[in-house]
Each structure stands twice: as structure tokens, then as C-alpha cells.
């Protein structure tokens, strides 16, 4: 029994299309996280302006969770050599990202009016919140599902 964790190669994808979708989803997450990190000093106050339950502390925590989840979802999507447990955690974080964006979009569309920026791209581009934000979040969820199906780290039948 080894105490040290060993990095293992990812299994071959089920289909070529699922590998392509994983790369597309990874590219979208890289664009999101770079834009959010370049403007992180303005990104957190923007989240705080959404009047989330829990106040500023919850908004700052949510901002950190979103950015960290986007970064740590990438090893699974890019088939990096990582430990089996990290591969599962990375896949789970790939699911958490669209879920958080979906919940934030629902919150803003139902409870807050006149939001000047939805913050997919931090504060680099002003993207007003609307039904399109919910659809983009659902599309991210579909990409996460497609990627997880094709790159499933567990036993396959």
C-alpha cells in the first residue's frame, strides 16, 4: 500500500465528440476565469451588488468558489495526469460551475432588477442579465454532462 498519491493517465474518451466538447467547455472556462481574475478587484464588489442572501460575505465567498471551481475543473476536461480522486473532484467541480451560474442567473432574473453586468466575463464586458444568462448556464451544464459522459473516470460497461 502506497501512502503517496500517484498521477494516472485518463482513460480514452468514449467518443471523439465528447473529447471535443470537453475541450470546448475547457476553453470557455479558461476565458471566463481569465476575465474574472484580471478584474477580480471589481468582480467581487459586482457580486456584492447583487444583494445575495448572506450579504457581502456570501458574495465574496461565492466569487472565490466560482473562480476556484473553474480552475480546478480544467484537469478533468483536458485529460491531465492526476490522481483518480482528483479526477472525480475535478469532474464534480465542472458540474458545480454551471450550477452556480444557473442559480445566480435565476436569482438575478427573479429578485434583482436593473443589473448592469452579469459577470460571466468579470467586469471586462458589460453583459446585462436576462433570460440569455439562464440559457448560457444550461448550455454550460449540457457541455459538462457531455464531457462527463465521454470522459467518465469510473468503471465503464
N, C-alpha and C. Protein backbone atom coordinates (compact mmCIF):
# COMPACT_ATOMS: atom_id res chain seq x y z
N UNK A 1 0.84 -1.19 0.00
CA UNK A 1 0.00 0.00 0.00
C UNK A 1 0.88 1.24 0.00
N UNK A 2 0.62 2.12 -0.91
CA UNK A 2 1.42 3.34 -1.04
C UNK A 2 0.69 4.50 -0.36
N UNK A 3 1.44 5.26 0.41
CA UNK A 3 0.88 6.42 1.08
C UNK A 3 0.81 7.61 0.13
N UNK A 4 1.73 7.64 -0.82
CA UNK A 4 1.78 8.75 -1.76
C UNK A 4 0.74 8.58 -2.86
N UNK A 5 0.20 9.67 -3.28
CA UNK A 5 -0.79 9.66 -4.36
C UNK A 5 -0.04 9.63 -5.68
N UNK A 6 -0.53 8.80 -6.60
CA UNK A 6 0.10 8.70 -7.91
C UNK A 6 -0.81 9.28 -8.98
N UNK A 7 -0.22 10.03 -9.85
CA UNK A 7 -0.97 10.55 -11.00
C UNK A 7 -1.13 9.43 -12.01
N UNK A 8 -2.31 9.32 -12.57
CA UNK A 8 -2.58 8.31 -13.59
C UNK A 8 -3.09 8.99 -14.85
N UNK A 9 -2.89 8.30 -15.95
CA UNK A 9 -3.40 8.79 -17.22
C UNK A 9 -4.91 8.65 -17.26
N UNK A 10 -5.57 9.54 -17.92
CA UNK A 10 -7.03 9.46 -18.10
C UNK A 10 -7.36 8.34 -19.07
N UNK A 11 -8.53 7.74 -18.89
CA UNK A 11 -8.97 6.72 -19.83
C UNK A 11 -9.29 7.38 -21.17
N UNK A 12 -9.24 6.55 -22.20
CA UNK A 12 -9.59 7.07 -23.53
C UNK A 12 -11.05 7.50 -23.53
N UNK A 13 -11.36 8.61 -24.20
CA UNK A 13 -12.75 9.06 -24.26
C UNK A 13 -13.63 8.06 -25.02
N UNK A 14 -14.90 8.02 -24.65
CA UNK A 14 -15.84 7.12 -25.33
C UNK A 14 -15.99 7.48 -26.79
N UNK A 15 -16.11 8.77 -27.06
CA UNK A 15 -16.28 9.22 -28.44
C UNK A 15 -15.38 10.43 -28.69
N UNK A 16 -15.07 10.65 -29.92
CA UNK A 16 -14.28 11.81 -30.29
C UNK A 16 -15.04 13.10 -30.01
N UNK A 17 -16.36 13.07 -30.21
CA UNK A 17 -17.18 14.26 -30.00
C UNK A 17 -17.17 14.68 -28.53
N UNK A 18 -17.17 13.70 -27.63
CA UNK A 18 -17.15 14.06 -26.21
C UNK A 18 -15.81 14.70 -25.83
N UNK A 19 -14.73 14.26 -26.45
CA UNK A 19 -13.43 14.89 -26.20
C UNK A 19 -13.42 16.32 -26.73
N UNK A 20 -14.01 16.53 -27.89
CA UNK A 20 -14.08 17.88 -28.45
C UNK A 20 -14.93 18.78 -27.56
N UNK A 21 -16.06 18.27 -27.08
CA UNK A 21 -16.93 19.06 -26.20
C UNK A 21 -16.23 19.38 -24.88
N UNK A 22 -15.42 18.45 -24.39
CA UNK A 22 -14.65 18.72 -23.17
C UNK A 22 -13.64 19.85 -23.42
N UNK A 23 -13.01 19.85 -24.58
CA UNK A 23 -12.08 20.93 -24.91
C UNK A 23 -12.80 22.26 -25.09
N UNK A 24 -13.98 22.23 -25.70
CA UNK A 24 -14.77 23.46 -25.87
C UNK A 24 -15.17 24.01 -24.51
N UNK A 25 -15.67 23.14 -23.63
CA UNK A 25 -16.06 23.56 -22.29
C UNK A 25 -14.85 24.08 -21.51
N UNK A 26 -13.71 23.41 -21.66
CA UNK A 26 -12.48 23.88 -21.01
C UNK A 26 -12.06 25.24 -21.52
N UNK A 27 -12.17 25.47 -22.83
CA UNK A 27 -11.80 26.77 -23.41
C UNK A 27 -12.72 27.87 -22.88
N UNK A 28 -14.02 27.57 -22.77
CA UNK A 28 -14.96 28.55 -22.22
C UNK A 28 -14.60 28.88 -20.78
N UNK A 29 -14.29 27.86 -20.00
CA UNK A 29 -13.92 28.10 -18.59
C UNK A 29 -12.62 28.90 -18.48
N UNK A 30 -11.66 28.64 -19.36
CA UNK A 30 -10.42 29.42 -19.34
C UNK A 30 -10.71 30.89 -19.65
N UNK A 31 -11.55 31.15 -20.63
CA UNK A 31 -11.91 32.54 -20.97
C UNK A 31 -12.61 33.19 -19.78
N UNK A 32 -13.55 32.48 -19.17
CA UNK A 32 -14.27 33.03 -18.01
C UNK A 32 -13.31 33.34 -16.87
N UNK A 33 -12.46 32.38 -16.52
CA UNK A 33 -11.61 32.56 -15.34
C UNK A 33 -10.55 33.63 -15.59
N UNK A 34 -10.02 33.71 -16.78
CA UNK A 34 -9.04 34.78 -17.06
C UNK A 34 -9.69 36.15 -16.96
N UNK A 35 -10.87 36.29 -17.54
CA UNK A 35 -11.56 37.58 -17.46
C UNK A 35 -11.91 37.93 -16.02
N UNK A 36 -12.33 36.94 -15.25
CA UNK A 36 -12.70 37.20 -13.85
C UNK A 36 -11.47 37.53 -13.01
N UNK A 37 -10.38 36.84 -13.25
CA UNK A 37 -9.18 37.10 -12.44
C UNK A 37 -8.51 38.42 -12.80
N UNK A 38 -8.56 38.82 -14.08
CA UNK A 38 -7.97 40.10 -14.45
C UNK A 38 -8.69 41.26 -13.78
N UNK A 39 -9.97 41.09 -13.51
CA UNK A 39 -10.75 42.16 -12.88
C UNK A 39 -11.29 41.72 -11.53
N UNK A 40 -10.54 40.89 -10.81
CA UNK A 40 -11.04 40.32 -9.56
C UNK A 40 -11.35 41.39 -8.52
N UNK A 41 -10.58 42.49 -8.52
CA UNK A 41 -10.85 43.56 -7.56
C UNK A 41 -12.19 44.25 -7.82
N UNK A 42 -12.69 44.18 -9.04
CA UNK A 42 -14.01 44.74 -9.35
C UNK A 42 -15.08 43.65 -9.43
N UNK A 43 -14.65 42.40 -9.64
CA UNK A 43 -15.56 41.27 -9.76
C UNK A 43 -16.30 41.01 -8.45
N UNK A 44 -15.58 41.03 -7.33
CA UNK A 44 -16.22 40.76 -6.04
C UNK A 44 -17.22 41.85 -5.63
N UNK A 45 -16.89 43.14 -5.75
CA UNK A 45 -17.92 44.15 -5.45
C UNK A 45 -19.14 44.06 -6.38
N UNK A 46 -18.92 43.64 -7.63
CA UNK A 46 -20.05 43.46 -8.53
C UNK A 46 -20.96 42.36 -8.02
N UNK A 47 -20.39 41.25 -7.57
CA UNK A 47 -21.20 40.18 -6.98
C UNK A 47 -21.91 40.66 -5.73
N UNK A 48 -21.23 41.49 -4.93
CA UNK A 48 -21.85 42.02 -3.71
C UNK A 48 -23.03 42.93 -4.03
N UNK A 49 -23.01 43.56 -5.20
CA UNK A 49 -24.11 44.46 -5.57
C UNK A 49 -25.37 43.70 -5.97
N UNK A 50 -25.31 42.37 -6.06
CA UNK A 50 -26.46 41.57 -6.45
C UNK A 50 -27.40 41.29 -5.29
N UNK A 51 -27.10 41.81 -4.10
CA UNK A 51 -27.94 41.61 -2.91
C UNK A 51 -28.25 40.15 -2.64
N UNK A 52 -27.21 39.33 -2.64
CA UNK A 52 -27.37 37.90 -2.38
C UNK A 52 -27.71 37.66 -0.91
N UNK A 53 -28.42 36.58 -0.62
CA UNK A 53 -28.66 36.25 0.79
C UNK A 53 -27.32 35.99 1.47
N UNK A 54 -27.10 36.60 2.61
CA UNK A 54 -25.83 36.46 3.30
C UNK A 54 -24.95 37.68 3.17
N UNK A 55 -25.36 38.62 2.34
CA UNK A 55 -24.65 39.88 2.23
C UNK A 55 -23.33 39.78 1.48
N UNK A 56 -22.44 40.72 1.82
CA UNK A 56 -21.15 40.80 1.13
C UNK A 56 -20.30 39.56 1.36
N UNK A 57 -20.34 39.01 2.56
CA UNK A 57 -19.53 37.83 2.86
C UNK A 57 -19.90 36.66 1.95
N UNK A 58 -21.19 36.45 1.75
CA UNK A 58 -21.64 35.37 0.87
C UNK A 58 -21.25 35.65 -0.57
N UNK A 59 -21.32 36.90 -0.99
CA UNK A 59 -20.94 37.25 -2.36
C UNK A 59 -19.45 37.03 -2.59
N UNK A 60 -18.63 37.43 -1.63
CA UNK A 60 -17.19 37.22 -1.77
C UNK A 60 -16.84 35.74 -1.75
N UNK A 61 -17.51 34.98 -0.91
CA UNK A 61 -17.29 33.53 -0.87
C UNK A 61 -17.72 32.90 -2.19
N UNK A 62 -18.86 33.32 -2.71
CA UNK A 62 -19.34 32.79 -3.99
C UNK A 62 -18.36 33.11 -5.11
N UNK A 63 -17.83 34.33 -5.13
CA UNK A 63 -16.86 34.70 -6.16
C UNK A 63 -15.62 33.82 -6.10
N UNK A 64 -15.13 33.57 -4.90
CA UNK A 64 -13.97 32.69 -4.75
C UNK A 64 -14.27 31.27 -5.17
N UNK A 65 -15.44 30.78 -4.79
CA UNK A 65 -15.81 29.41 -5.15
C UNK A 65 -15.95 29.26 -6.66
N UNK A 66 -16.55 30.24 -7.30
CA UNK A 66 -16.71 30.17 -8.76
C UNK A 66 -15.36 30.12 -9.46
N UNK A 67 -14.46 31.02 -9.09
CA UNK A 67 -13.16 31.09 -9.76
C UNK A 67 -12.34 29.83 -9.49
N UNK A 68 -12.30 29.38 -8.25
CA UNK A 68 -11.53 28.17 -7.92
C UNK A 68 -12.13 26.95 -8.61
N UNK A 69 -13.45 26.86 -8.67
CA UNK A 69 -14.10 25.73 -9.34
C UNK A 69 -13.78 25.72 -10.84
N UNK A 70 -13.78 26.90 -11.44
CA UNK A 70 -13.46 26.97 -12.88
C UNK A 70 -12.03 26.51 -13.14
N UNK A 71 -11.12 26.89 -12.27
CA UNK A 71 -9.71 26.49 -12.45
C UNK A 71 -9.54 24.99 -12.24
N UNK A 72 -10.11 24.46 -11.16
CA UNK A 72 -9.89 23.05 -10.84
C UNK A 72 -10.79 22.10 -11.63
N UNK A 73 -11.69 22.61 -12.45
CA UNK A 73 -12.43 21.75 -13.37
C UNK A 73 -11.60 21.42 -14.61
N UNK A 74 -10.59 22.20 -14.87
CA UNK A 74 -9.80 22.04 -16.09
C UNK A 74 -9.00 20.74 -16.17
N UNK A 75 -8.39 20.23 -15.09
CA UNK A 75 -7.62 18.98 -15.24
C UNK A 75 -8.45 17.82 -15.78
N UNK A 76 -9.68 17.69 -15.36
CA UNK A 76 -10.54 16.62 -15.88
C UNK A 76 -10.85 16.86 -17.35
N UNK A 77 -11.19 18.08 -17.70
CA UNK A 77 -11.60 18.39 -19.07
C UNK A 77 -10.45 18.26 -20.06
N UNK A 78 -9.23 18.52 -19.60
CA UNK A 78 -8.08 18.48 -20.50
C UNK A 78 -7.31 17.17 -20.43
N UNK A 79 -7.87 16.17 -19.74
CA UNK A 79 -7.26 14.84 -19.62
C UNK A 79 -5.84 14.88 -19.07
N UNK A 80 -5.62 15.70 -18.07
CA UNK A 80 -4.30 15.78 -17.46
C UNK A 80 -4.04 14.54 -16.60
N UNK A 81 -2.77 14.26 -16.35
CA UNK A 81 -2.40 13.16 -15.46
C UNK A 81 -2.57 13.62 -14.02
N UNK A 82 -3.60 13.11 -13.37
CA UNK A 82 -3.89 13.45 -11.98
C UNK A 82 -4.33 12.18 -11.27
N UNK A 83 -4.44 12.26 -9.95
CA UNK A 83 -4.87 11.09 -9.19
C UNK A 83 -6.34 10.79 -9.49
N UNK A 84 -6.75 9.54 -9.28
CA UNK A 84 -8.16 9.20 -9.54
C UNK A 84 -9.14 10.03 -8.71
N UNK A 85 -8.81 10.29 -7.44
CA UNK A 85 -9.72 11.09 -6.61
C UNK A 85 -9.80 12.53 -7.13
N UNK A 86 -8.67 13.10 -7.53
CA UNK A 86 -8.69 14.46 -8.06
C UNK A 86 -9.45 14.52 -9.37
N UNK A 87 -9.41 13.43 -10.15
CA UNK A 87 -10.17 13.40 -11.40
C UNK A 87 -11.67 13.47 -11.11
N UNK A 88 -12.13 12.78 -10.07
CA UNK A 88 -13.54 12.80 -9.70
C UNK A 88 -13.92 14.17 -9.14
N UNK A 89 -13.04 14.73 -8.30
CA UNK A 89 -13.30 16.07 -7.74
C UNK A 89 -13.36 17.10 -8.86
N UNK A 90 -12.43 16.99 -9.80
CA UNK A 90 -12.39 17.93 -10.92
C UNK A 90 -13.65 17.82 -11.77
N UNK A 91 -14.13 16.59 -11.98
CA UNK A 91 -15.37 16.41 -12.73
C UNK A 91 -16.54 17.03 -11.96
N UNK A 92 -16.58 16.85 -10.65
CA UNK A 92 -17.64 17.44 -9.83
C UNK A 92 -17.62 18.96 -9.87
N UNK A 93 -16.42 19.54 -9.87
CA UNK A 93 -16.32 20.99 -9.96
C UNK A 93 -16.76 21.49 -11.33
N UNK A 94 -16.55 20.68 -12.35
CA UNK A 94 -17.07 21.01 -13.68
C UNK A 94 -18.58 21.08 -13.70
N UNK A 95 -19.23 20.30 -12.83
CA UNK A 95 -20.68 20.36 -12.67
C UNK A 95 -21.11 21.53 -11.80
N UNK A 96 -20.28 21.85 -10.81
CA UNK A 96 -20.62 22.93 -9.87
C UNK A 96 -20.67 24.29 -10.56
N UNK A 97 -19.78 24.51 -11.51
CA UNK A 97 -19.70 25.81 -12.19
C UNK A 97 -21.02 26.18 -12.87
N UNK A 98 -21.58 25.33 -13.76
CA UNK A 98 -22.85 25.73 -14.39
C UNK A 98 -23.99 25.82 -13.38
N UNK A 99 -23.95 24.98 -12.33
CA UNK A 99 -24.99 25.05 -11.31
C UNK A 99 -24.97 26.40 -10.60
N UNK A 100 -23.79 26.88 -10.22
CA UNK A 100 -23.68 28.18 -9.55
C UNK A 100 -24.11 29.32 -10.47
N UNK A 101 -23.69 29.27 -11.72
CA UNK A 101 -24.09 30.32 -12.67
C UNK A 101 -25.60 30.28 -12.90
N UNK A 102 -26.17 29.07 -12.97
CA UNK A 102 -27.61 28.94 -13.17
C UNK A 102 -28.37 29.53 -11.98
N UNK A 103 -27.95 29.19 -10.77
CA UNK A 103 -28.63 29.70 -9.58
C UNK A 103 -28.49 31.23 -9.49
N UNK A 104 -27.31 31.75 -9.83
CA UNK A 104 -27.11 33.19 -9.82
C UNK A 104 -27.98 33.88 -10.86
N UNK A 105 -28.09 33.27 -12.05
CA UNK A 105 -28.93 33.85 -13.10
C UNK A 105 -30.40 33.84 -12.69
N UNK A 106 -30.84 32.75 -12.09
CA UNK A 106 -32.23 32.68 -11.60
C UNK A 106 -32.47 33.76 -10.54
N UNK A 107 -31.52 33.89 -9.60
CA UNK A 107 -31.66 34.89 -8.53
C UNK A 107 -31.77 36.29 -9.12
N UNK A 108 -30.91 36.62 -10.05
CA UNK A 108 -30.90 37.97 -10.61
C UNK A 108 -32.15 38.24 -11.45
N UNK A 109 -32.62 37.24 -12.18
CA UNK A 109 -33.81 37.44 -13.02
C UNK A 109 -35.09 37.53 -12.22
N UNK A 110 -35.12 36.96 -11.03
CA UNK A 110 -36.35 36.99 -10.24
C UNK A 110 -36.35 38.02 -9.12
N UNK A 111 -35.18 38.35 -8.56
CA UNK A 111 -35.15 39.19 -7.37
C UNK A 111 -34.49 40.56 -7.53
N UNK A 112 -33.65 40.70 -8.50
CA UNK A 112 -32.90 41.96 -8.65
C UNK A 112 -33.20 42.53 -10.03
N UNK A 113 -33.50 43.82 -10.08
CA UNK A 113 -33.78 44.44 -11.38
C UNK A 113 -32.70 45.45 -11.71
N UNK A 114 -32.46 45.62 -12.98
CA UNK A 114 -31.51 46.62 -13.45
C UNK A 114 -30.06 46.28 -13.18
N UNK A 115 -29.69 45.01 -13.31
CA UNK A 115 -28.29 44.62 -13.11
C UNK A 115 -27.51 45.03 -14.35
N UNK A 116 -26.48 45.87 -14.18
CA UNK A 116 -25.75 46.35 -15.35
C UNK A 116 -24.81 45.31 -15.97
N UNK A 117 -24.40 44.29 -15.19
CA UNK A 117 -23.42 43.32 -15.69
C UNK A 117 -23.65 42.00 -14.99
N UNK A 118 -23.75 40.92 -15.77
CA UNK A 118 -23.96 39.61 -15.17
C UNK A 118 -22.66 38.97 -14.71
N UNK A 119 -21.55 39.35 -15.20
CA UNK A 119 -20.20 38.98 -14.75
C UNK A 119 -19.71 37.62 -15.20
N UNK A 120 -20.23 37.04 -16.28
CA UNK A 120 -19.59 35.86 -16.86
C UNK A 120 -18.13 36.19 -17.17
N UNK A 121 -17.92 37.38 -17.71
CA UNK A 121 -16.58 37.82 -18.10
C UNK A 121 -16.04 38.86 -17.12
N UNK A 122 -16.34 38.70 -15.85
CA UNK A 122 -15.88 39.67 -14.86
C UNK A 122 -16.48 41.02 -15.16
N UNK A 123 -15.65 42.04 -15.10
CA UNK A 123 -16.14 43.37 -15.46
C UNK A 123 -15.50 43.86 -16.76
N UNK A 124 -14.93 42.95 -17.54
CA UNK A 124 -14.33 43.32 -18.82
C UNK A 124 -15.40 43.75 -19.81
N UNK A 125 -16.48 42.98 -19.87
CA UNK A 125 -17.57 43.30 -20.79
C UNK A 125 -18.87 43.41 -20.00
N UNK A 126 -19.65 44.43 -20.30
CA UNK A 126 -20.94 44.60 -19.63
C UNK A 126 -21.99 43.76 -20.33
N UNK A 127 -22.35 42.66 -19.71
CA UNK A 127 -23.37 41.77 -20.24
C UNK A 127 -24.58 41.85 -19.31
N UNK A 128 -25.61 42.56 -19.72
CA UNK A 128 -26.77 42.72 -18.85
C UNK A 128 -27.45 41.37 -18.64
N UNK A 129 -28.03 41.21 -17.46
CA UNK A 129 -28.65 39.94 -17.10
C UNK A 129 -30.02 39.83 -17.77
N UNK A 130 -30.35 38.64 -18.19
CA UNK A 130 -31.63 38.38 -18.81
C UNK A 130 -31.81 36.88 -18.98
N UNK A 131 -32.83 36.49 -19.70
CA UNK A 131 -33.05 35.06 -19.92
C UNK A 131 -31.89 34.37 -20.63
N UNK A 132 -31.12 35.11 -21.40
CA UNK A 132 -29.98 34.53 -22.09
C UNK A 132 -28.97 33.98 -21.09
N UNK A 133 -28.82 34.60 -19.91
CA UNK A 133 -27.86 34.12 -18.91
C UNK A 133 -28.27 32.74 -18.40
N UNK A 134 -29.57 32.53 -18.26
CA UNK A 134 -30.05 31.21 -17.84
C UNK A 134 -29.75 30.19 -18.93
N UNK A 135 -29.98 30.57 -20.18
CA UNK A 135 -29.71 29.65 -21.29
C UNK A 135 -28.23 29.32 -21.43
N UNK A 136 -27.36 30.31 -21.21
CA UNK A 136 -25.92 30.04 -21.25
C UNK A 136 -25.53 29.10 -20.13
N UNK A 137 -26.11 29.27 -18.96
CA UNK A 137 -25.83 28.38 -17.84
C UNK A 137 -26.28 26.95 -18.14
N UNK A 138 -27.45 26.82 -18.75
CA UNK A 138 -27.94 25.49 -19.14
C UNK A 138 -27.02 24.89 -20.20
N UNK A 139 -26.56 25.70 -21.14
CA UNK A 139 -25.63 25.21 -22.16
C UNK A 139 -24.33 24.73 -21.53
N UNK A 140 -23.85 25.45 -20.52
CA UNK A 140 -22.65 25.00 -19.81
C UNK A 140 -22.91 23.67 -19.11
N UNK A 141 -24.11 23.51 -18.55
CA UNK A 141 -24.47 22.24 -17.93
C UNK A 141 -24.51 21.10 -18.93
N UNK A 142 -25.00 21.37 -20.14
CA UNK A 142 -25.02 20.34 -21.18
C UNK A 142 -23.61 19.96 -21.57
N UNK A 143 -22.73 20.95 -21.70
CA UNK A 143 -21.33 20.65 -22.00
C UNK A 143 -20.68 19.83 -20.89
N UNK A 144 -21.01 20.15 -19.63
CA UNK A 144 -20.47 19.39 -18.50
C UNK A 144 -20.97 17.95 -18.54
N UNK A 145 -22.25 17.77 -18.85
CA UNK A 145 -22.81 16.42 -18.92
C UNK A 145 -22.19 15.61 -20.05
N UNK A 146 -22.05 16.23 -21.20
CA UNK A 146 -21.46 15.56 -22.35
C UNK A 146 -20.02 15.18 -22.06
N UNK A 147 -19.27 16.08 -21.45
CA UNK A 147 -17.88 15.81 -21.10
C UNK A 147 -17.78 14.69 -20.07
N UNK A 148 -18.65 14.73 -19.07
CA UNK A 148 -18.62 13.70 -18.03
C UNK A 148 -18.98 12.33 -18.59
N UNK A 149 -19.95 12.28 -19.50
CA UNK A 149 -20.32 11.01 -20.11
C UNK A 149 -19.14 10.43 -20.89
N UNK A 150 -18.50 11.26 -21.68
CA UNK A 150 -17.43 10.76 -22.54
C UNK A 150 -16.13 10.48 -21.83
N UNK A 151 -15.85 11.20 -20.76
CA UNK A 151 -14.58 11.05 -20.06
C UNK A 151 -14.74 10.42 -18.68
N UNK A 152 -15.84 9.73 -18.44
CA UNK A 152 -16.17 9.18 -17.12
C UNK A 152 -14.96 8.47 -16.52
N UNK A 153 -14.54 8.86 -15.30
CA UNK A 153 -13.33 8.28 -14.72
C UNK A 153 -13.52 6.91 -14.08
N UNK A 154 -14.75 6.52 -13.81
CA UNK A 154 -15.01 5.25 -13.14
C UNK A 154 -15.03 4.08 -14.12
N UNK A 155 -15.50 2.95 -13.63
CA UNK A 155 -15.61 1.76 -14.47
C UNK A 155 -16.70 1.96 -15.51
N UNK A 156 -16.42 1.52 -16.71
CA UNK A 156 -17.39 1.63 -17.80
C UNK A 156 -17.83 0.24 -18.20
N UNK A 157 -19.09 0.09 -18.57
CA UNK A 157 -19.58 -1.21 -19.03
C UNK A 157 -19.52 -1.29 -20.53
